[in-house]
Amino acid sequence: MISIDGQIVTGDEASISILDSGLLSGYGVFETMLAEGDLVFRLGEHLARFEKSCLALGLIPKYSSNQIEEFIGEALGRNQDGYKRIRVMLTGGNSGDGLWGDESIDNRLVIIVREHSLSRGIVRPKAEVVYSATSLHWLAKHKTLSRMLYSHPTPEFAQVRGKNSKSLQILYHPSIGVTEFSSASLFVRQSENVVTAFSEDVFLGICRAEIIKNWRALVPEFKLEIRKVELSDLFAADEVIGVNSLRGAFAVSELNDNTGESFASTNPISYSKPVLSLKLHDFLLTR
């Protein structure tokens, strides 16, 4: 289902202007969230971050959070069985001669709802540590349409990695350490000790924040430390965990070091059976 400015349309009918700065310049914001039945997980937190991202980019939110919530409910439709993936996007609109000109910006609020496959069991992907090209840009703390604002790997590595690679990327910057997955927040467990990066060095993940807030009640048997995460933490870990809004939690099965900083650059590290990730997964998918 697709909603544009609150109007339900088909895929063939859905359109925005070819002159929209969201298309021309990547000017706009988005949020992606998970729904099960008629429940949207952490909707309030997602809409708050959506509004914060709009203001950071100088976009005036076109509708209130209550209105957007209503639009999402309509886009979910009558068939609310199973999981759904919801993407809410506000484009920059047609700003005329210049992105920051005085012209009125005719932006578009787009909501797309799709079926989403999600297992209750824990997923165990392979991962690789890669150099991040730059330290975190302040706009990368917001859900901008311009993906280049995020701490993605260098183009040289992307070329070497190849199109057929199935592993996830864990980002590493020499001065701020291991930060996160390219599309998920990161926790590293060694025995009963768990570490995650400082919030100022990583994207403001909603699932990560919820886990930290509820840590003592959720997993009191584990000790959480928030600090710079070193490569050595990954190499000595019992469990490397990713969390995000669409997948809950997952646990890395095998890690390759493509930074060249350890023996792991030629010898992949295998991790034991997931423990903490199972608890985090259940927490994140609890209605």
C-alpha atoms as a PDB file:
ATOM      1  CA  MET A   1       0.000   0.000   0.000  1.00  0.00           C
ATOM      2  CA  ILE A   2       1.217   3.487  -0.832  1.00  0.00           C
ATOM      3  CA  SER A   3       0.077   6.772   0.665  1.00  0.00           C
ATOM      4  CA  ILE A   4       1.097  10.166  -0.708  1.00  0.00           C
ATOM      5  CA  ASP A   5       0.065  13.106   1.441  1.00  0.00           C
ATOM      6  CA  GLY A   6      -2.566  10.893   3.052  1.00  0.00           C
ATOM      7  CA  GLN A   7      -4.099   9.647  -0.206  1.00  0.00           C
ATOM      8  CA  ILE A   8      -3.945   5.900  -0.881  1.00  0.00           C
ATOM      9  CA  VAL A   9      -2.725   5.177  -4.427  1.00  0.00           C
ATOM     10  CA  THR A  10      -1.583   2.164  -6.415  1.00  0.00           C
ATOM     11  CA  GLY A  11       2.014   1.599  -7.409  1.00  0.00           C
ATOM     12  CA  ASP A  12       1.248   2.719 -10.971  1.00  0.00           C
ATOM     13  CA  GLU A  13      -0.408   5.908  -9.707  1.00  0.00           C
ATOM     14  CA  ALA A  14       2.268   6.822  -7.162  1.00  0.00           C
ATOM     15  CA  SER A  15       4.538   9.629  -8.334  1.00  0.00           C
ATOM     16  CA  ILE A  16       6.492  12.700  -7.316  1.00  0.00           C
ATOM     17  CA  SER A  17       7.860  15.475  -9.496  1.00  0.00           C
ATOM     18  CA  ILE A  18      11.034  14.798 -11.473  1.00  0.00           C
ATOM     19  CA  LEU A  19      12.162  18.201 -10.130  1.00  0.00           C
ATOM     20  CA  ASP A  20      11.785  17.154  -6.483  1.00  0.00           C
ATOM     21  CA  SER A  21      15.006  17.865  -4.610  1.00  0.00           C
ATOM     22  CA  GLY A  22      14.624  14.513  -2.854  1.00  0.00           C
ATOM     23  CA  LEU A  23      15.435  12.972  -6.224  1.00  0.00           C
ATOM     24  CA  LEU A  24      17.803  15.629  -7.538  1.00  0.00           C
ATOM     25  CA  SER A  25      19.861  16.199  -4.390  1.00  0.00           C
ATOM     26  CA  GLY A  26      18.950  13.510  -1.873  1.00  0.00           C
ATOM     27  CA  TYR A  27      17.255  16.221   0.213  1.00  0.00           C
ATOM     28  CA  GLY A  28      14.739  14.635   2.555  1.00  0.00           C
ATOM     29  CA  VAL A  29      14.325  12.334   5.538  1.00  0.00           C
ATOM     30  CA  PHE A  30      12.903   8.879   6.186  1.00  0.00           C
ATOM     31  CA  GLU A  31      12.027   6.373   8.898  1.00  0.00           C
ATOM     32  CA  THR A  32      11.670   2.615   8.527  1.00  0.00           C
ATOM     33  CA  MET A  33       9.693   0.637  11.068  1.00  0.00           C
ATOM     34  CA  LEU A  34       8.143  -2.759  11.710  1.00  0.00           C
ATOM     35  CA  ALA A  35       4.468  -3.605  12.214  1.00  0.00           C
ATOM     36  CA  GLU A  36       2.798  -6.820  13.335  1.00  0.00           C
ATOM     37  CA  GLY A  37      -0.931  -6.847  12.812  1.00  0.00           C
ATOM     38  CA  ASP A  38      -2.144  -3.366  13.711  1.00  0.00           C
ATOM     39  CA  LEU A  39       0.807  -2.667  16.056  1.00  0.00           C
ATOM     40  CA  VAL A  40       3.710  -0.524  14.820  1.00  0.00           C
ATOM     41  CA  PHE A  41       6.715  -1.198  17.023  1.00  0.00           C
ATOM     42  CA  ARG A  42       7.978   1.925  18.831  1.00  0.00           C
ATOM     43  CA  LEU A  43       5.953   4.222  16.588  1.00  0.00           C
ATOM     44  CA  GLY A  44       6.240   7.197  18.956  1.00  0.00           C
ATOM     45  CA  GLU A  45      10.033   6.969  19.030  1.00  0.00           C
ATOM     46  CA  HIS A  46      10.226   6.670  15.236  1.00  0.00           C
ATOM     47  CA  LEU A  47       7.988   9.678  14.646  1.00  0.00           C
ATOM     48  CA  ALA A  48       9.936  11.741  17.195  1.00  0.00           C
ATOM     49  CA  ARG A  49      13.183  10.934  15.388  1.00  0.00           C
ATOM     50  CA  PHE A  50      11.482  11.679  12.054  1.00  0.00           C
ATOM     51  CA  GLU A  51      10.526  15.157  13.252  1.00  0.00           C
ATOM     52  CA  LYS A  52      13.986  15.754  14.713  1.00  0.00           C
ATOM     53  CA  SER A  53      15.607  14.750  11.406  1.00  0.00           C
ATOM     54  CA  CYS A  54      13.285  17.089   9.481  1.00  0.00           C
ATOM     55  CA  LEU A  55      14.246  20.040  11.666  1.00  0.00           C
ATOM     56  CA  ALA A  56      17.960  19.182  11.411  1.00  0.00           C
ATOM     57  CA  LEU A  57      17.727  19.467   7.623  1.00  0.00           C
ATOM     58  CA  GLY A  58      15.655  22.635   7.683  1.00  0.00           C
ATOM     59  CA  LEU A  59      12.494  20.830   6.572  1.00  0.00           C
ATOM     60  CA  ILE A  60       9.255  21.864   8.217  1.00  0.00           C
ATOM     61  CA  PRO A  61       7.252  18.683   8.962  1.00  0.00           C
ATOM     62  CA  LYS A  62       4.273  18.755   6.636  1.00  0.00           C
ATOM     63  CA  TYR A  63       1.940  16.934   9.026  1.00  0.00           C
ATOM     64  CA  SER A  64       1.740  16.383  12.757  1.00  0.00           C
ATOM     65  CA  SER A  65       2.779  13.087  14.316  1.00  0.00           C
ATOM     66  CA  ASN A  66      -0.889  12.303  14.982  1.00  0.00           C
ATOM     67  CA  GLN A  67      -1.735  12.843  11.314  1.00  0.00           C
ATOM     68  CA  ILE A  68       1.149  10.675  10.158  1.00  0.00           C
ATOM     69  CA  GLU A  69       0.026   7.960  12.576  1.00  0.00           C
ATOM     70  CA  GLU A  70      -3.435   8.082  10.995  1.00  0.00           C
ATOM     71  CA  PHE A  71      -1.954   7.864   7.499  1.00  0.00           C
ATOM     72  CA  ILE A  72       0.102   4.828   8.544  1.00  0.00           C
ATOM     73  CA  GLY A  73      -3.010   3.120   9.925  1.00  0.00           C
ATOM     74  CA  GLU A  74      -4.836   3.687   6.637  1.00  0.00           C
ATOM     75  CA  ALA A  75      -1.854   2.439   4.625  1.00  0.00           C
ATOM     76  CA  LEU A  76      -1.673  -0.740   6.711  1.00  0.00           C
ATOM     77  CA  GLY A  77      -5.081  -1.562   5.255  1.00  0.00           C
ATOM     78  CA  ARG A  78      -7.576  -4.157   6.336  1.00  0.00           C
ATOM     79  CA  ASN A  79      -5.259  -7.133   5.885  1.00  0.00           C
ATOM     80  CA  GLN A  80      -3.119  -6.739   8.987  1.00  0.00           C
ATOM     81  CA  ASP A  81      -1.938 -10.329   9.364  1.00  0.00           C
ATOM     82  CA  GLY A  82       1.807 -10.962   9.628  1.00  0.00           C
ATOM     83  CA  TYR A  83       4.708  -8.529   9.638  1.00  0.00           C
ATOM     84  CA  LYS A  84       4.827  -5.352   7.562  1.00  0.00           C
ATOM     85  CA  ARG A  85       7.716  -3.042   6.673  1.00  0.00           C
ATOM     86  CA  ILE A  86       6.749   0.634   6.814  1.00  0.00           C
ATOM     87  CA  ARG A  87       8.798   3.419   5.266  1.00  0.00           C
ATOM     88  CA  VAL A  88       7.834   7.042   5.914  1.00  0.00           C
ATOM     89  CA  MET A  89       9.592   9.648   3.770  1.00  0.00           C
ATOM     90  CA  LEU A  90       9.392  13.422   3.456  1.00  0.00           C
ATOM     91  CA  THR A  91      11.011  14.724   0.279  1.00  0.00           C
ATOM     92  CA  GLY A  92      12.588  18.148  -0.058  1.00  0.00           C
ATOM     93  CA  GLY A  93      10.092  19.088  -2.758  1.00  0.00           C
ATOM     94  CA  ASN A  94      10.521  21.422  -5.725  1.00  0.00           C
ATOM     95  CA  SER A  95      12.558  24.357  -4.423  1.00  0.00           C
ATOM     96  CA  GLY A  96      12.880  26.136  -7.767  1.00  0.00           C
ATOM     97  CA  ASP A  97      16.282  27.575  -8.653  1.00  0.00           C
ATOM     98  CA  GLY A  98      18.162  26.560  -5.537  1.00  0.00           C
ATOM     99  CA  LEU A  99      17.955  24.081  -2.690  1.00  0.00           C
ATOM    100  CA  TRP A 100      18.081  26.814  -0.072  1.00  0.00           C
ATOM    101  CA  GLY A 101      16.183  29.489  -2.040  1.00  0.00           C
ATOM    102  CA  ASP A 102      13.180  31.462  -0.868  1.00  0.00           C
ATOM    103  CA  GLU A 103      10.753  29.565  -3.095  1.00  0.00           C
ATOM    104  CA  SER A 104       7.969  27.610  -1.427  1.00  0.00           C
ATOM    105  CA  ILE A 105       8.925  23.951  -1.078  1.00  0.00           C
ATOM    106  CA  ASP A 106       6.211  21.595  -2.278  1.00  0.00           C
ATOM    107  CA  ASN A 107       7.441  18.506  -0.452  1.00  0.00           C
ATOM    108  CA  ARG A 108       5.718  15.105  -0.398  1.00  0.00           C
ATOM    109  CA  LEU A 109       4.980  12.767   2.505  1.00  0.00           C
ATOM    110  CA  VAL A 110       5.247   9.228   1.171  1.00  0.00           C
ATOM    111  CA  ILE A 111       4.331   6.099   3.149  1.00  0.00           C
ATOM    112  CA  ILE A 112       5.020   2.644   1.709  1.00  0.00           C
ATOM    113  CA  VAL A 113       3.779  -0.544   3.427  1.00  0.00           C
ATOM    114  CA  ARG A 114       5.105  -3.915   2.268  1.00  0.00           C
ATOM    115  CA  GLU A 115       4.962  -7.501   3.478  1.00  0.00           C
ATOM    116  CA  HIS A 116       7.986  -8.353   5.597  1.00  0.00           C
ATOM    117  CA  SER A 117       9.547 -11.742   6.236  1.00  0.00           C
ATOM    118  CA  LEU A 118      10.802 -12.066   9.803  1.00  0.00           C
ATOM    119  CA  SER A 119      11.636 -15.221  11.695  1.00  0.00           C
ATOM    120  CA  ARG A 120      11.163 -15.516  15.436  1.00  0.00           C
ATOM    121  CA  GLY A 121      14.390 -17.495  15.481  1.00  0.00           C
ATOM    122  CA  ILE A 122      17.779 -15.837  15.619  1.00  0.00           C
ATOM    123  CA  VAL A 123      19.494 -15.083  12.294  1.00  0.00           C
ATOM    124  CA  ARG A 124      23.260 -15.727  12.067  1.00  0.00           C
ATOM    125  CA  PRO A 125      24.834 -13.820   9.162  1.00  0.00           C
ATOM    126  CA  LYS A 126      28.513 -13.513   8.306  1.00  0.00           C
ATOM    127  CA  ALA A 127      30.147 -10.116   8.793  1.00  0.00           C
ATOM    128  CA  GLU A 128      33.342  -8.244   7.961  1.00  0.00           C
ATOM    129  CA  VAL A 129      35.105  -5.326   9.625  1.00  0.00           C
ATOM    130  CA  VAL A 130      35.833  -2.514   7.155  1.00  0.00           C
ATOM    131  CA  TYR A 131      37.379   0.938   7.359  1.00  0.00           C
ATOM    132  CA  SER A 132      34.903   3.792   7.525  1.00  0.00           C
ATOM    133  CA  ALA A 133      35.908   6.577   5.159  1.00  0.00           C
ATOM    134  CA  THR A 134      35.297   9.418   7.603  1.00  0.00           C
ATOM    135  CA  SER A 135      34.307   9.971  11.195  1.00  0.00           C
ATOM    136  CA  LEU A 136      30.596  10.416  11.764  1.00  0.00           C
ATOM    137  CA  HIS A 137      29.158  13.536  10.129  1.00  0.00           C
ATOM    138  CA  TRP A 138      26.622  15.324  12.350  1.00  0.00           C
ATOM    139  CA  LEU A 139      23.885  14.893   9.731  1.00  0.00           C
ATOM    140  CA  ALA A 140      24.546  11.151   9.715  1.00  0.00           C
ATOM    141  CA  LYS A 141      22.843  11.096  13.110  1.00  0.00           C
ATOM    142  CA  HIS A 142      19.585  11.698  11.247  1.00  0.00           C
ATOM    143  CA  LYS A 143      17.667   9.605   8.732  1.00  0.00           C
ATOM    144  CA  THR A 144      18.560  11.584   5.633  1.00  0.00           C
ATOM    145  CA  LEU A 145      17.864  10.451   2.078  1.00  0.00           C
ATOM    146  CA  SER A 146      21.514  11.120   1.232  1.00  0.00           C
ATOM    147  CA  ARG A 147      23.223   7.866   2.195  1.00  0.00           C
ATOM    148  CA  MET A 148      26.665   9.390   1.640  1.00  0.00           C
ATOM    149  CA  LEU A 149      26.217  11.219   4.952  1.00  0.00           C
ATOM    150  CA  TYR A 150      26.516   7.896   6.751  1.00  0.00           C
ATOM    151  CA  SER A 151      29.831   6.310   7.705  1.00  0.00           C
ATOM    152  CA  HIS A 152      29.948   3.922   4.785  1.00  0.00           C
ATOM    153  CA  PRO A 153      33.094   2.090   3.647  1.00  0.00           C
ATOM    154  CA  THR A 154      35.466   3.579   1.116  1.00  0.00           C
ATOM    155  CA  PRO A 155      34.658   3.182  -2.600  1.00  0.00           C
ATOM    156  CA  GLU A 156      37.897   1.215  -2.978  1.00  0.00           C
ATOM    157  CA  PHE A 157      36.681  -1.406  -0.535  1.00  0.00           C
ATOM    158  CA  ALA A 158      33.224  -1.538  -2.087  1.00  0.00           C
ATOM    159  CA  GLN A 159      34.861  -2.339  -5.418  1.00  0.00           C
ATOM    160  CA  VAL A 160      36.992  -5.101  -3.925  1.00  0.00           C
ATOM    161  CA  ARG A 161      34.057  -6.514  -1.976  1.00  0.00           C
ATOM    162  CA  GLY A 162      32.159  -7.352  -5.135  1.00  0.00           C
ATOM    163  CA  LYS A 163      28.479  -7.510  -5.914  1.00  0.00           C
ATOM    164  CA  ASN A 164      28.004 -11.107  -4.802  1.00  0.00           C
ATOM    165  CA  SER A 165      29.184 -10.715  -1.204  1.00  0.00           C
ATOM    166  CA  LYS A 166      26.586 -11.795   1.362  1.00  0.00           C
ATOM    167  CA  SER A 167      28.334 -10.541   4.493  1.00  0.00           C
ATOM    168  CA  LEU A 168      27.358  -7.535   6.585  1.00  0.00           C
ATOM    169  CA  GLN A 169      29.728  -4.649   7.235  1.00  0.00           C
ATOM    170  CA  ILE A 170      30.939  -3.545  10.662  1.00  0.00           C
ATOM    171  CA  LEU A 171      32.396  -0.037  10.478  1.00  0.00           C
ATOM    172  CA  TYR A 172      35.762   0.871  11.976  1.00  0.00           C
ATOM    173  CA  HIS A 173      37.405   4.287  12.170  1.00  0.00           C
ATOM    174  CA  PRO A 174      40.948   4.583  13.594  1.00  0.00           C
ATOM    175  CA  SER A 175      40.150   7.437  16.004  1.00  0.00           C
ATOM    176  CA  ILE A 176      36.684   6.390  17.231  1.00  0.00           C
ATOM    177  CA  GLY A 177      37.021   2.609  16.983  1.00  0.00           C
ATOM    178  CA  VAL A 178      34.362   0.104  16.014  1.00  0.00           C
ATOM    179  CA  THR A 179      31.079   1.976  15.747  1.00  0.00           C
ATOM    180  CA  GLU A 180      28.214  -0.096  14.329  1.00  0.00           C
ATOM    181  CA  PHE A 181      26.957  -2.230  11.482  1.00  0.00           C
ATOM    182  CA  SER A 182      26.229  -0.234   8.338  1.00  0.00           C
ATOM    183  CA  SER A 183      22.512  -0.856   8.959  1.00  0.00           C
ATOM    184  CA  ALA A 184      22.257  -1.887  12.622  1.00  0.00           C
ATOM    185  CA  SER A 185      23.511  -1.009  16.101  1.00  0.00           C
ATOM    186  CA  LEU A 186      26.263  -3.109  17.659  1.00  0.00           C
ATOM    187  CA  PHE A 187      26.745  -4.908  20.966  1.00  0.00           C
ATOM    188  CA  VAL A 188      29.780  -7.089  21.752  1.00  0.00           C
ATOM    189  CA  ARG A 189      29.709  -9.752  24.491  1.00  0.00           C
ATOM    190  CA  GLN A 190      32.645 -11.482  26.149  1.00  0.00           C
ATOM    191  CA  SER A 191      31.477 -13.809  28.903  1.00  0.00           C
ATOM    192  CA  GLU A 192      29.167 -11.698  31.169  1.00  0.00           C
ATOM    193  CA  ASN A 193      30.565  -8.357  29.957  1.00  0.00           C
ATOM    194  CA  VAL A 194      28.975  -6.407  27.105  1.00  0.00           C
ATOM    195  CA  VAL A 195      30.212  -3.270  25.383  1.00  0.00           C
ATOM    196  CA  THR A 196      28.603  -0.790  22.996  1.00  0.00           C
ATOM    197  CA  ALA A 197      29.928   2.491  21.593  1.00  0.00           C
ATOM    198  CA  PHE A 198      29.394   6.014  22.933  1.00  0.00           C
ATOM    199  CA  SER A 199      26.161   7.519  21.613  1.00  0.00           C
ATOM    200  CA  GLU A 200      28.013  10.506  20.134  1.00  0.00           C
ATOM    201  CA  ASP A 201      29.995   8.147  17.887  1.00  0.00           C
ATOM    202  CA  VAL A 202      27.088   6.156  16.458  1.00  0.00           C
ATOM    203  CA  PHE A 203      23.726   6.598  14.800  1.00  0.00           C
ATOM    204  CA  LEU A 204      20.824   7.203  17.206  1.00  0.00           C
ATOM    205  CA  GLY A 205      19.337   3.713  16.977  1.00  0.00           C
ATOM    206  CA  ILE A 206      15.924   3.343  18.588  1.00  0.00           C
ATOM    207  CA  CYS A 207      16.366  -0.359  19.385  1.00  0.00           C
ATOM    208  CA  ARG A 208      19.791   0.296  20.896  1.00  0.00           C
ATOM    209  CA  ALA A 209      18.368   3.067  23.085  1.00  0.00           C
ATOM    210  CA  GLU A 210      15.485   0.858  24.258  1.00  0.00           C
ATOM    211  CA  ILE A 211      17.867  -1.957  25.170  1.00  0.00           C
ATOM    212  CA  ILE A 212      20.184   0.356  27.124  1.00  0.00           C
ATOM    213  CA  LYS A 213      17.229   1.934  28.957  1.00  0.00           C
ATOM    214  CA  ASN A 214      15.844  -1.463  29.985  1.00  0.00           C
ATOM    215  CA  TRP A 215      19.172  -3.245  30.487  1.00  0.00           C
ATOM    216  CA  ARG A 216      19.020  -3.932  34.224  1.00  0.00           C
ATOM    217  CA  ALA A 217      15.515  -5.351  34.087  1.00  0.00           C
ATOM    218  CA  LEU A 218      16.101  -7.141  30.798  1.00  0.00           C
ATOM    219  CA  VAL A 219      19.426  -8.945  31.321  1.00  0.00           C
ATOM    220  CA  PRO A 220      20.693  -8.319  34.881  1.00  0.00           C
ATOM    221  CA  GLU A 221      23.146 -11.215  34.553  1.00  0.00           C
ATOM    222  CA  PHE A 222      25.193  -9.203  32.022  1.00  0.00           C
ATOM    223  CA  LYS A 223      27.204  -6.039  32.723  1.00  0.00           C
ATOM    224  CA  LEU A 224      26.948  -3.273  30.098  1.00  0.00           C
ATOM    225  CA  GLU A 225      29.785  -0.811  29.443  1.00  0.00           C
ATOM    226  CA  ILE A 226      29.436   2.160  27.086  1.00  0.00           C
ATOM    227  CA  ARG A 227      32.854   3.118  25.730  1.00  0.00           C
ATOM    228  CA  LYS A 228      35.075   3.090  22.665  1.00  0.00           C
ATOM    229  CA  VAL A 229      34.862  -0.378  21.116  1.00  0.00           C
ATOM    230  CA  GLU A 230      38.250  -1.673  19.984  1.00  0.00           C
ATOM    231  CA  LEU A 231      39.001  -4.192  17.248  1.00  0.00           C
ATOM    232  CA  SER A 232      40.389  -6.419  19.988  1.00  0.00           C
ATOM    233  CA  ASP A 233      36.899  -6.531  21.551  1.00  0.00           C
ATOM    234  CA  LEU A 234      35.565  -8.112  18.356  1.00  0.00           C
ATOM    235  CA  PHE A 235      38.418 -10.595  18.087  1.00  0.00           C
ATOM    236  CA  ALA A 236      38.050 -11.766  21.713  1.00  0.00           C
ATOM    237  CA  ALA A 237      34.237 -11.787  21.756  1.00  0.00           C
ATOM    238  CA  ASP A 238      31.916 -14.688  22.435  1.00  0.00           C
ATOM    239  CA  GLU A 239      29.049 -12.941  20.649  1.00  0.00           C
ATOM    240  CA  VAL A 240      28.742 -10.019  18.212  1.00  0.00           C
ATOM    241  CA  ILE A 241      25.159  -8.767  18.042  1.00  0.00           C
ATOM    242  CA  GLY A 242      23.311  -6.390  15.740  1.00  0.00           C
ATOM    243  CA  VAL A 243      19.927  -4.808  16.474  1.00  0.00           C
ATOM    244  CA  ASN A 244      17.596  -2.776  14.283  1.00  0.00           C
ATOM    245  CA  SER A 245      13.913  -2.059  13.835  1.00  0.00           C
ATOM    246  CA  LEU A 246      13.281  -4.511  11.007  1.00  0.00           C
ATOM    247  CA  ARG A 247      15.230  -7.557  12.191  1.00  0.00           C
ATOM    248  CA  GLY A 248      15.111  -7.392  15.973  1.00  0.00           C
ATOM    249  CA  ALA A 249      18.462  -8.893  16.982  1.00  0.00           C
ATOM    250  CA  PHE A 250      20.864 -11.113  15.064  1.00  0.00           C
ATOM    251  CA  ALA A 251      24.170 -12.772  15.980  1.00  0.00           C
ATOM    252  CA  VAL A 252      27.212 -12.910  13.723  1.00  0.00           C
ATOM    253  CA  SER A 253      28.328 -16.458  12.968  1.00  0.00           C
ATOM    254  CA  GLU A 254      31.675 -15.623  11.340  1.00  0.00           C
ATOM    255  CA  LEU A 255      33.797 -12.467  11.197  1.00  0.00           C
ATOM    256  CA  ASN A 256      36.460 -11.446   8.680  1.00  0.00           C
ATOM    257  CA  ASP A 257      38.819  -8.550   9.349  1.00  0.00           C
ATOM    258  CA  ASN A 258      39.304  -6.529   6.171  1.00  0.00           C
ATOM    259  CA  THR A 259      41.153  -3.730   7.962  1.00  0.00           C
ATOM    260  CA  GLY A 260      44.349  -5.797   7.984  1.00  0.00           C
ATOM    261  CA  GLU A 261      44.841  -5.033  11.681  1.00  0.00           C
ATOM    262  CA  SER A 262      44.921  -8.634  12.937  1.00  0.00           C
ATOM    263  CA  PHE A 263      45.461 -12.273  12.085  1.00  0.00           C
ATOM    264  CA  ALA A 264      41.751 -12.384  11.371  1.00  0.00           C
ATOM    265  CA  SER A 265      42.414 -10.745   7.999  1.00  0.00           C
ATOM    266  CA  THR A 266      43.300 -14.217   6.736  1.00  0.00           C
ATOM    267  CA  ASN A 267      41.614 -16.376   9.381  1.00  0.00           C
ATOM    268  CA  PRO A 268      37.880 -15.821   9.960  1.00  0.00           C
ATOM    269  CA  ILE A 269      36.659 -15.855  13.552  1.00  0.00           C
ATOM    270  CA  SER A 270      33.746 -18.157  14.369  1.00  0.00           C
ATOM    271  CA  TYR A 271      31.444 -17.364  17.279  1.00  0.00           C
ATOM    272  CA  SER A 272      29.754 -19.800  19.620  1.00  0.00           C
ATOM    273  CA  LYS A 273      26.054 -20.382  20.123  1.00  0.00           C
ATOM    274  CA  PRO A 274      24.036 -17.149  20.661  1.00  0.00           C
ATOM    275  CA  VAL A 275      22.997 -16.357  24.223  1.00  0.00           C
ATOM    276  CA  LEU A 276      22.380 -12.645  24.761  1.00  0.00           C
ATOM    277  CA  SER A 277      21.095 -12.063  21.225  1.00  0.00           C
ATOM    278  CA  LEU A 278      18.184 -14.432  21.835  1.00  0.00           C
ATOM    279  CA  LYS A 279      17.075 -12.397  24.859  1.00  0.00           C
ATOM    280  CA  LEU A 280      17.398  -9.103  22.972  1.00  0.00           C
ATOM    281  CA  HIS A 281      15.505 -10.511  19.985  1.00  0.00           C
ATOM    282  CA  ASP A 282      12.575 -11.602  22.157  1.00  0.00           C
ATOM    283  CA  PHE A 283      12.517  -8.202  23.869  1.00  0.00           C
ATOM    284  CA  LEU A 284      12.494  -6.238  20.615  1.00  0.00           C
ATOM    285  CA  LEU A 285       9.674  -8.345  19.126  1.00  0.00           C
ATOM    286  CA  THR A 286       7.436  -8.352  22.203  1.00  0.00           C
ATOM    287  CA  ARG A 287       4.098  -6.702  21.425  1.00  0.00           C
END
